[in-house]
Amino acid sequence: MTTATVELLAKDLNHQGGVYCPSPLAHMSIWNSHPKVYLDVARTGQAKCPYCGTVYKLKEGEHFHGH
């Protein structure tokens, strides 16, 4: 497992407030990583991938305003 942290801007989140892992935002090669999982970042401001341990979090001062 990795301990990588990826800081996100609100614009990096999809319309539901989430991201997918593995992600190009984390500089991951999709072809050699784990299955794609949806992570809800907007709810708490961060989410941790259960496969690789990468933490995706909103950059300080960023706020998600969903639809």
Protein backbone atom coordinates (compact mmCIF):
# COMPACT_ATOMS: atom_id res chain seq x y z
CA MET A 1 0.00 0.00 0.00
CA THR A 2 1.01 3.55 -0.67
CA THR A 3 0.72 6.56 1.58
CA ALA A 4 0.31 9.02 -1.29
CA THR A 5 -1.96 12.02 -0.81
CA VAL A 6 -3.50 13.79 -3.79
CA GLU A 7 -4.75 17.33 -3.19
CA LEU A 8 -7.75 18.20 -5.32
CA LEU A 9 -9.45 21.36 -6.43
CA ALA A 10 -13.24 21.41 -6.36
CA LYS A 11 -13.20 21.38 -10.18
CA ASP A 12 -11.37 18.03 -10.11
CA LEU A 13 -14.44 16.33 -8.60
CA ASN A 14 -17.21 14.94 -10.75
CA HIS A 15 -20.74 16.36 -10.51
CA GLN A 16 -21.47 14.05 -7.54
CA GLY A 17 -18.41 15.17 -5.59
CA GLY A 18 -16.18 12.20 -6.20
CA VAL A 19 -13.15 10.90 -8.02
CA TYR A 20 -12.09 7.52 -9.30
CA CYS A 21 -8.99 5.61 -8.27
CA PRO A 22 -6.73 4.76 -9.96
CA SER A 23 -6.53 8.28 -11.27
CA PRO A 24 -4.29 10.21 -13.64
CA LEU A 25 -4.45 12.95 -10.97
CA ALA A 26 -2.36 10.62 -8.79
CA HIS A 27 0.02 9.90 -11.68
CA MET A 28 -1.12 6.27 -11.82
CA SER A 29 -0.99 4.16 -14.92
CA ILE A 30 -4.51 2.83 -15.32
CA TRP A 31 -3.43 -0.37 -17.05
CA ASN A 32 -1.27 -1.68 -14.19
CA SER A 33 -3.32 -0.63 -11.19
CA HIS A 34 -6.25 -2.05 -9.25
CA PRO A 35 -9.92 -2.04 -10.34
CA LYS A 36 -11.56 1.37 -10.69
CA VAL A 37 -13.38 2.51 -7.54
CA TYR A 38 -15.50 5.59 -6.90
CA LEU A 39 -14.50 7.66 -3.85
CA ASP A 40 -16.84 10.25 -2.32
CA VAL A 41 -14.57 13.17 -1.47
CA ALA A 42 -17.24 15.87 -1.08
CA ARG A 43 -18.94 14.34 1.95
CA THR A 44 -16.00 14.70 4.36
CA GLY A 45 -13.38 16.50 2.29
CA GLN A 46 -11.29 13.39 1.76
CA ALA A 47 -11.45 9.70 0.91
CA LYS A 48 -8.98 6.82 1.03
CA CYS A 49 -8.77 4.15 -1.64
CA PRO A 50 -9.35 0.71 -0.09
CA TYR A 51 -7.07 -0.93 -2.66
CA CYS A 52 -3.91 1.19 -2.72
CA GLY A 53 -4.31 3.54 0.25
CA THR A 54 -4.04 6.74 -1.79
CA VAL A 55 -5.82 9.59 -0.02
CA TYR A 56 -7.71 12.10 -2.15
CA LYS A 57 -8.50 15.31 -0.32
CA LEU A 58 -9.75 18.77 -1.12
CA LYS A 59 -7.05 21.40 -0.99
CA GLU A 60 -7.40 23.74 1.97
CA GLY A 61 -9.90 26.48 1.22
CA GLU A 62 -11.64 24.48 -1.53
CA HIS A 63 -15.35 23.74 -1.23
CA PHE A 64 -17.52 21.53 -3.39
CA HIS A 65 -20.94 22.84 -4.35
CA GLY A 66 -22.76 19.91 -5.89
CA HIS A 67 -25.84 19.80 -8.02
